[in-house]
Amino acid sequence: MCRKTGPLRFSSRLATGCLALALLINPVSTHLMPIAEAQAQSVRAVPEGNRYKSQPKIPFASSRRTNASKSSYDAKFNKVLSVLKRDRRLLGSIKRVSKRYGIDPIHLIGAIVGEHTYNYDTLDSAQSYYVKALAYAGIRFEFELNGEHVDTFVERPQFERCNKDHIQKSSDRRWSCYENVWNSKFRGRRVDGVRYPKKNFNEAFFQPLFSGQSFGLGQLSPLTVLKMTDRVARQSNYRKLEASKPKEVYKATMDPNISLHYMAAIIQDAIAAYKSVGKVDISNNPGLTATLYNLGDPWSRAAKFRRTGRSWPRENYYGWLVNDRIDDLRALL
């Protein structure tokens, strides 16, 4: 029987005997590790490359935009590649920002190439976005619907659950909560005698002058920028943004010097979501981070992936291109 020889210590001989007995009873005990290390080992690294053998179907909206510009996906891909290749200043910024956010710069390259191949006409030059950012700075607008500012609108009782402290402390949780309530309680519905448009939250409140849903080098939406502002503020010199200052939000959306930080934050958030919830590490698969950059809502998607029981998450048409042409993209760096 193993007994203490005093209130705080074993005798050395007895302690040695007890240890030997413990090893005989449970030899696995020698391999015990800290909880954090065990949890880290439970996260599996997603293999490189695509899970689909051929590219998933490209949405009609993308093909319509490409046909309207009398172009092709290959032509647009090659053009954006050419623009990035000759803009060494932009590539330098991509590398610096990626390092700050702890991600491989290939993820930012993939997001830019994907957006300008499928979701935007084409990228003529990064300089054009600096010019547009200056132009937007001279426009007066508000984030409102029917004359009511979004900050006032979300004070309605339907948004009560969004006022919990843990939600309000996070810009991502806060604006995601507002968005979910809008979709479930207001979008396309009649509430208190008012018929609300069948538009998503971003279209309804954050695009008072423009028909497009996203802007700038990274084709960001103002709503996405507001969601990521806490994450960016923690890791950069930029202050948190508020809906009450729409010019600052649009500047962050349009100005490549700032928008690269938001793009990096989106990718960083997606990687974190799949590690935490999906228990897989997608940081070495740019096609998957590009897919999530394109689709958004990574935390819900990570949870859905976990429920499917599939071995690995799968890329969409946008991410498939990034993985398929990864050597061309790597050559830029």
Protein backbone atom coordinates (compact mmCIF):
# COMPACT_ATOMS: atom_id res chain seq x y z
CA MET A 1 0.00 0.00 0.00
CA CYS A 2 1.37 3.43 -1.01
CA ARG A 3 1.22 5.88 1.90
CA LYS A 4 2.60 9.36 2.43
CA THR A 5 5.45 9.54 4.93
CA GLY A 6 4.55 13.14 5.75
CA PRO A 7 1.90 15.66 4.97
CA LEU A 8 3.51 16.81 1.63
CA ARG A 9 6.01 14.17 0.41
CA PHE A 10 6.61 10.47 -0.26
CA SER A 11 9.77 8.70 0.78
CA SER A 12 11.97 8.27 -2.29
CA ARG A 13 11.97 4.46 -2.10
CA LEU A 14 8.22 4.24 -1.67
CA ALA A 15 7.61 6.78 -4.42
CA THR A 16 9.71 4.72 -6.83
CA GLY A 17 7.77 1.61 -5.97
CA CYS A 18 4.44 3.35 -6.43
CA LEU A 19 5.51 4.68 -9.81
CA ALA A 20 6.53 1.23 -10.97
CA LEU A 21 3.19 -0.20 -9.81
CA ALA A 22 1.33 2.55 -11.66
CA LEU A 23 3.20 1.78 -14.88
CA LEU A 24 2.34 -1.91 -14.61
CA ILE A 25 -1.33 -1.13 -14.09
CA ASN A 26 -1.52 1.58 -16.77
CA PRO A 27 1.47 1.71 -19.13
CA VAL A 28 -0.28 4.29 -21.33
CA SER A 29 0.12 6.84 -18.56
CA THR A 30 3.68 7.53 -19.73
CA HIS A 31 2.21 9.05 -22.91
CA LEU A 32 -0.08 11.52 -21.26
CA MET A 33 0.23 15.02 -22.70
CA PRO A 34 -1.12 18.47 -21.94
CA ILE A 35 -4.74 19.01 -23.00
CA ALA A 36 -3.80 21.77 -25.45
CA GLU A 37 -1.34 19.44 -27.21
CA ALA A 38 -3.91 16.65 -27.42
CA GLN A 39 -6.46 19.02 -28.89
CA ALA A 40 -3.94 20.28 -31.43
CA GLN A 41 -3.27 16.70 -32.56
CA SER A 42 -6.99 16.14 -33.12
CA VAL A 43 -6.95 18.71 -35.95
CA ARG A 44 -6.17 17.00 -39.26
CA ALA A 45 -4.35 18.79 -42.07
CA VAL A 46 -6.34 18.87 -45.31
CA PRO A 47 -4.31 17.52 -48.23
CA GLU A 48 -3.31 19.91 -51.00
CA GLY A 49 -5.24 20.01 -54.28
CA ASN A 50 -8.86 19.49 -55.26
CA ARG A 51 -11.23 16.80 -54.07
CA TYR A 52 -13.30 17.09 -57.26
CA LYS A 53 -11.74 15.69 -60.43
CA SER A 54 -13.44 18.31 -62.61
CA GLN A 55 -14.54 21.86 -61.91
CA PRO A 56 -17.95 22.22 -60.23
CA LYS A 57 -20.60 24.08 -62.20
CA ILE A 58 -20.05 27.83 -62.53
CA PRO A 59 -23.10 29.93 -61.57
CA PHE A 60 -25.11 31.49 -64.39
CA ALA A 61 -24.60 35.02 -63.01
CA SER A 62 -20.86 34.66 -63.48
CA SER A 63 -21.12 33.38 -67.04
CA ARG A 64 -23.58 36.16 -67.87
CA ARG A 65 -21.13 38.83 -66.67
CA THR A 66 -18.30 37.26 -68.62
CA ASN A 67 -20.35 36.97 -71.82
CA ALA A 68 -21.51 40.57 -71.47
CA SER A 69 -17.89 41.73 -71.46
CA LYS A 70 -17.22 39.60 -74.57
CA SER A 71 -14.47 37.79 -72.68
CA SER A 72 -13.72 34.31 -71.37
CA TYR A 73 -12.62 32.90 -68.03
CA ASP A 74 -9.19 32.03 -69.41
CA ALA A 75 -8.74 35.56 -70.78
CA LYS A 76 -9.78 37.14 -67.49
CA PHE A 77 -7.54 34.78 -65.49
CA ASN A 78 -4.55 35.61 -67.66
CA LYS A 79 -5.25 39.32 -67.49
CA VAL A 80 -5.41 39.50 -63.70
CA LEU A 81 -2.27 37.36 -63.53
CA SER A 82 -0.52 39.81 -65.83
CA VAL A 83 -1.62 42.81 -63.76
CA LEU A 84 -0.36 41.22 -60.54
CA LYS A 85 2.93 40.19 -62.15
CA ARG A 86 3.84 43.74 -63.15
CA ASP A 87 2.58 45.44 -59.98
CA ARG A 88 5.46 44.71 -57.63
CA ARG A 89 4.21 47.31 -55.16
CA LEU A 90 0.92 45.45 -54.75
CA LEU A 91 2.67 42.08 -54.41
CA GLY A 92 4.92 43.59 -51.75
CA SER A 93 1.87 44.77 -49.82
CA ILE A 94 0.27 41.34 -50.14
CA LYS A 95 3.35 39.71 -48.63
CA ARG A 96 3.61 42.22 -45.77
CA VAL A 97 -0.06 42.00 -44.83
CA SER A 98 -0.05 38.19 -45.06
CA LYS A 99 2.90 38.01 -42.68
CA ARG A 100 1.12 40.25 -40.19
CA TYR A 101 -1.95 37.99 -40.18
CA GLY A 102 0.06 34.78 -40.14
CA ILE A 103 -1.18 33.41 -43.45
CA ASP A 104 0.52 32.33 -46.67
CA PRO A 105 0.27 35.14 -49.26
CA ILE A 106 -1.01 32.60 -51.79
CA HIS A 107 -4.38 32.85 -50.04
CA LEU A 108 -4.69 36.55 -50.87
CA ILE A 109 -3.50 35.93 -54.42
CA GLY A 110 -6.13 33.21 -54.81
CA ALA A 111 -8.93 35.45 -53.54
CA ILE A 112 -7.98 38.31 -55.89
CA VAL A 113 -7.64 36.04 -58.91
CA GLY A 114 -10.89 34.24 -58.17
CA GLU A 115 -12.87 37.45 -57.73
CA HIS A 116 -11.57 39.02 -60.94
CA THR A 117 -11.97 35.85 -62.96
CA TYR A 118 -15.56 35.07 -61.96
CA ASN A 119 -17.24 37.84 -59.98
CA TYR A 120 -15.95 41.03 -61.55
CA ASP A 121 -15.38 42.21 -65.09
CA THR A 122 -11.60 42.32 -64.86
CA LEU A 123 -8.71 43.93 -63.02
CA ASP A 124 -7.09 46.69 -65.10
CA SER A 125 -4.70 47.93 -62.43
CA ALA A 126 -4.49 48.27 -58.70
CA GLN A 127 -4.03 52.00 -59.22
CA SER A 128 -7.60 52.24 -60.50
CA TYR A 129 -8.83 51.26 -57.05
CA TYR A 130 -6.86 54.02 -55.38
CA VAL A 131 -8.52 56.48 -57.76
CA LYS A 132 -11.98 55.06 -57.04
CA ALA A 133 -11.35 55.25 -53.30
CA LEU A 134 -10.63 58.98 -53.64
CA ALA A 135 -13.77 59.45 -55.73
CA TYR A 136 -15.95 57.69 -53.16
CA ALA A 137 -14.53 59.93 -50.44
CA GLY A 138 -16.32 62.90 -51.99
CA ILE A 139 -19.77 61.28 -51.99
CA ARG A 140 -22.26 61.81 -49.18
CA PHE A 141 -24.35 58.76 -48.28
CA GLU A 142 -25.74 56.90 -45.29
CA PHE A 143 -26.35 53.26 -44.46
CA GLU A 144 -30.12 53.40 -44.33
CA LEU A 145 -33.37 51.98 -45.68
CA ASN A 146 -36.33 54.23 -46.45
CA GLY A 147 -34.62 57.07 -44.59
CA GLU A 148 -33.96 55.01 -41.45
CA HIS A 149 -30.34 54.43 -40.46
CA VAL A 150 -29.29 50.84 -39.84
CA ASP A 151 -28.13 51.70 -36.29
CA THR A 152 -31.69 52.82 -35.51
CA PHE A 153 -33.32 49.92 -37.33
CA VAL A 154 -31.52 47.29 -35.23
CA GLU A 155 -32.97 48.80 -32.05
CA ARG A 156 -36.27 47.06 -32.85
CA PRO A 157 -37.39 44.34 -30.39
CA GLN A 158 -36.81 41.64 -33.00
CA PHE A 159 -33.06 42.21 -32.55
CA GLU A 160 -33.15 41.77 -28.77
CA ARG A 161 -31.08 38.57 -28.80
CA CYS A 162 -28.29 40.47 -30.56
CA ASN A 163 -27.89 42.75 -27.54
CA LYS A 164 -26.32 40.09 -25.32
CA ASP A 165 -22.89 41.12 -24.07
CA HIS A 166 -20.95 38.28 -25.72
CA ILE A 167 -22.49 39.19 -29.08
CA GLN A 168 -22.05 42.94 -28.78
CA LYS A 169 -18.39 42.56 -27.85
CA SER A 170 -17.60 41.01 -31.24
CA SER A 171 -18.20 42.94 -34.47
CA ASP A 172 -18.49 39.66 -36.39
CA ARG A 173 -21.08 38.19 -34.03
CA ARG A 174 -22.96 41.47 -33.76
CA TRP A 175 -23.40 42.12 -37.47
CA SER A 176 -23.95 38.43 -38.23
CA CYS A 177 -26.75 38.42 -35.66
CA TYR A 178 -28.33 41.51 -37.20
CA GLU A 179 -28.09 39.88 -40.62
CA ASN A 180 -29.72 36.65 -39.45
CA VAL A 181 -32.61 38.50 -37.80
CA TRP A 182 -33.15 40.57 -40.95
CA ASN A 183 -33.31 37.39 -43.05
CA SER A 184 -35.69 35.57 -40.71
CA LYS A 185 -37.94 38.43 -39.56
CA PHE A 186 -37.92 41.18 -42.20
CA ARG A 187 -36.66 40.13 -45.61
CA GLY A 188 -39.60 40.04 -48.05
CA ARG A 189 -42.09 40.26 -45.16
CA ARG A 190 -44.65 42.74 -43.94
CA VAL A 191 -43.89 43.85 -40.37
CA ASP A 192 -45.98 46.40 -38.49
CA GLY A 193 -47.67 47.42 -41.71
CA VAL A 194 -44.42 47.91 -43.64
CA ARG A 195 -43.40 45.68 -46.56
CA TYR A 196 -39.64 45.12 -46.57
CA PRO A 197 -37.70 44.35 -49.75
CA LYS A 198 -36.68 40.83 -50.66
CA LYS A 199 -33.02 41.78 -50.50
CA ASN A 200 -30.20 40.58 -48.31
CA PHE A 201 -29.07 42.76 -45.41
CA ASN A 202 -26.10 44.19 -47.28
CA GLU A 203 -28.18 45.15 -50.34
CA ALA A 204 -30.95 46.66 -48.25
CA PHE A 205 -28.83 48.96 -46.03
CA PHE A 206 -25.28 49.25 -47.31
CA GLN A 207 -25.58 50.10 -50.99
CA PRO A 208 -27.56 53.34 -51.19
CA LEU A 209 -25.94 54.48 -54.44
CA PHE A 210 -24.66 51.37 -56.14
CA SER A 211 -26.19 48.28 -57.70
CA GLY A 212 -23.20 45.98 -57.11
CA GLN A 213 -22.82 43.91 -53.98
CA SER A 214 -19.07 44.23 -53.51
CA PHE A 215 -16.28 46.65 -54.29
CA GLY A 216 -12.54 47.11 -54.61
CA LEU A 217 -9.56 44.85 -55.13
CA GLY A 218 -11.00 42.13 -52.90
CA GLN A 219 -14.62 42.71 -53.96
CA LEU A 220 -15.61 43.28 -50.34
CA SER A 221 -19.04 44.34 -49.15
CA PRO A 222 -19.47 47.08 -46.52
CA LEU A 223 -21.22 44.54 -44.27
CA THR A 224 -18.26 42.15 -44.44
CA VAL A 225 -15.92 45.01 -43.57
CA LEU A 226 -18.00 45.86 -40.51
CA LYS A 227 -17.96 42.21 -39.42
CA MET A 228 -14.17 41.99 -39.64
CA THR A 229 -13.32 45.39 -38.11
CA ASP A 230 -12.51 44.02 -34.64
CA ARG A 231 -10.14 41.40 -36.06
CA VAL A 232 -8.39 43.99 -38.24
CA ALA A 233 -8.13 46.55 -35.43
CA ARG A 234 -6.39 43.97 -33.19
CA GLN A 235 -3.71 43.26 -35.77
CA SER A 236 -3.16 46.53 -37.58
CA ASN A 237 -2.92 50.27 -37.05
CA TYR A 238 -6.47 50.83 -38.31
CA ARG A 239 -9.21 51.85 -35.93
CA LYS A 240 -12.52 50.03 -35.56
CA LEU A 241 -15.17 51.07 -38.05
CA GLU A 242 -18.76 51.99 -37.29
CA ALA A 243 -21.86 52.11 -39.49
CA SER A 244 -22.33 55.72 -38.38
CA LYS A 245 -19.24 56.63 -40.45
CA PRO A 246 -19.98 55.18 -43.90
CA LYS A 247 -17.18 57.06 -45.68
CA GLU A 248 -14.59 55.29 -43.54
CA VAL A 249 -16.25 51.93 -44.26
CA TYR A 250 -16.23 52.53 -48.00
CA LYS A 251 -12.62 53.70 -47.87
CA ALA A 252 -11.64 50.44 -46.19
CA THR A 253 -13.58 48.60 -48.89
CA MET A 254 -12.04 50.49 -51.81
CA ASP A 255 -8.49 51.43 -50.78
CA PRO A 256 -6.10 48.48 -51.42
CA ASN A 257 -3.83 49.67 -48.59
CA ILE A 258 -6.67 48.95 -46.16
CA SER A 259 -8.75 46.34 -47.98
CA LEU A 260 -5.86 43.86 -48.03
CA HIS A 261 -6.06 43.78 -44.23
CA TYR A 262 -9.75 42.92 -44.39
CA MET A 263 -9.14 40.25 -46.99
CA ALA A 264 -6.45 38.70 -44.78
CA ALA A 265 -8.78 38.86 -41.77
CA ILE A 266 -11.51 37.01 -43.71
CA ILE A 267 -9.10 34.24 -44.64
CA GLN A 268 -7.64 34.08 -41.13
CA ASP A 269 -11.17 33.79 -39.72
CA ALA A 270 -12.04 30.96 -42.14
CA ILE A 271 -8.94 29.00 -41.15
CA ALA A 272 -9.77 29.51 -37.46
CA ALA A 273 -13.37 28.38 -37.98
CA TYR A 274 -12.42 25.11 -39.65
CA LYS A 275 -9.75 24.38 -37.03
CA SER A 276 -12.06 25.11 -34.12
CA VAL A 277 -15.34 23.66 -35.38
CA GLY A 278 -14.45 21.46 -38.33
CA LYS A 279 -11.31 20.04 -36.70
CA VAL A 280 -9.36 20.34 -39.95
CA ASP A 281 -6.53 22.65 -40.92
CA ILE A 282 -7.18 24.25 -44.33
CA SER A 283 -4.20 26.62 -44.18
CA ASN A 284 -2.27 24.63 -46.81
CA ASN A 285 -5.15 24.43 -49.25
CA PRO A 286 -5.67 27.81 -50.99
CA GLY A 287 -8.60 26.42 -52.97
CA LEU A 288 -10.57 25.94 -49.76
CA THR A 289 -9.77 29.37 -48.34
CA ALA A 290 -10.72 30.85 -51.73
CA THR A 291 -13.99 28.90 -51.63
CA LEU A 292 -14.83 30.29 -48.20
CA TYR A 293 -13.78 33.79 -49.23
CA ASN A 294 -16.27 33.46 -52.05
CA LEU A 295 -19.11 31.95 -50.00
CA GLY A 296 -18.67 33.61 -46.59
CA ASP A 297 -20.13 32.39 -43.28
CA PRO A 298 -17.21 30.04 -42.47
CA TRP A 299 -18.30 29.15 -38.92
CA SER A 300 -21.68 27.81 -40.02
CA ARG A 301 -20.08 26.03 -42.96
CA ALA A 302 -17.47 24.45 -40.70
CA ALA A 303 -20.23 23.13 -38.43
CA LYS A 304 -22.14 21.79 -41.43
CA PHE A 305 -19.01 20.06 -42.72
CA ARG A 306 -18.45 18.39 -39.32
CA ARG A 307 -22.04 17.08 -39.36
CA THR A 308 -21.64 15.53 -42.81
CA GLY A 309 -19.00 13.12 -41.60
CA ARG A 310 -16.97 13.60 -44.78
CA SER A 311 -13.20 13.18 -44.51
CA TRP A 312 -12.38 16.56 -46.07
CA PRO A 313 -14.16 19.78 -47.01
CA ARG A 314 -14.61 20.34 -50.75
CA GLU A 315 -13.90 23.31 -52.96
CA ASN A 316 -16.43 25.12 -55.17
CA TYR A 317 -15.87 26.18 -58.79
CA TYR A 318 -13.94 29.27 -57.64
CA GLY A 319 -11.60 27.45 -55.27
CA TRP A 320 -11.18 24.62 -57.77
CA LEU A 321 -9.58 27.06 -60.23
CA VAL A 322 -7.16 28.31 -57.56
CA ASN A 323 -5.93 24.80 -56.77
CA ASP A 324 -5.88 23.78 -60.42
CA ARG A 325 -3.68 26.76 -61.39
CA ILE A 326 -1.68 26.88 -58.18
CA ASP A 327 1.69 26.75 -59.95
CA ASP A 328 0.82 29.86 -61.98
CA LEU A 329 -0.21 31.67 -58.79
CA ARG A 330 2.87 30.56 -56.84
CA ALA A 331 5.07 31.89 -59.64
CA LEU A 332 3.89 35.42 -58.77
CA LEU A 333 5.52 35.18 -55.36
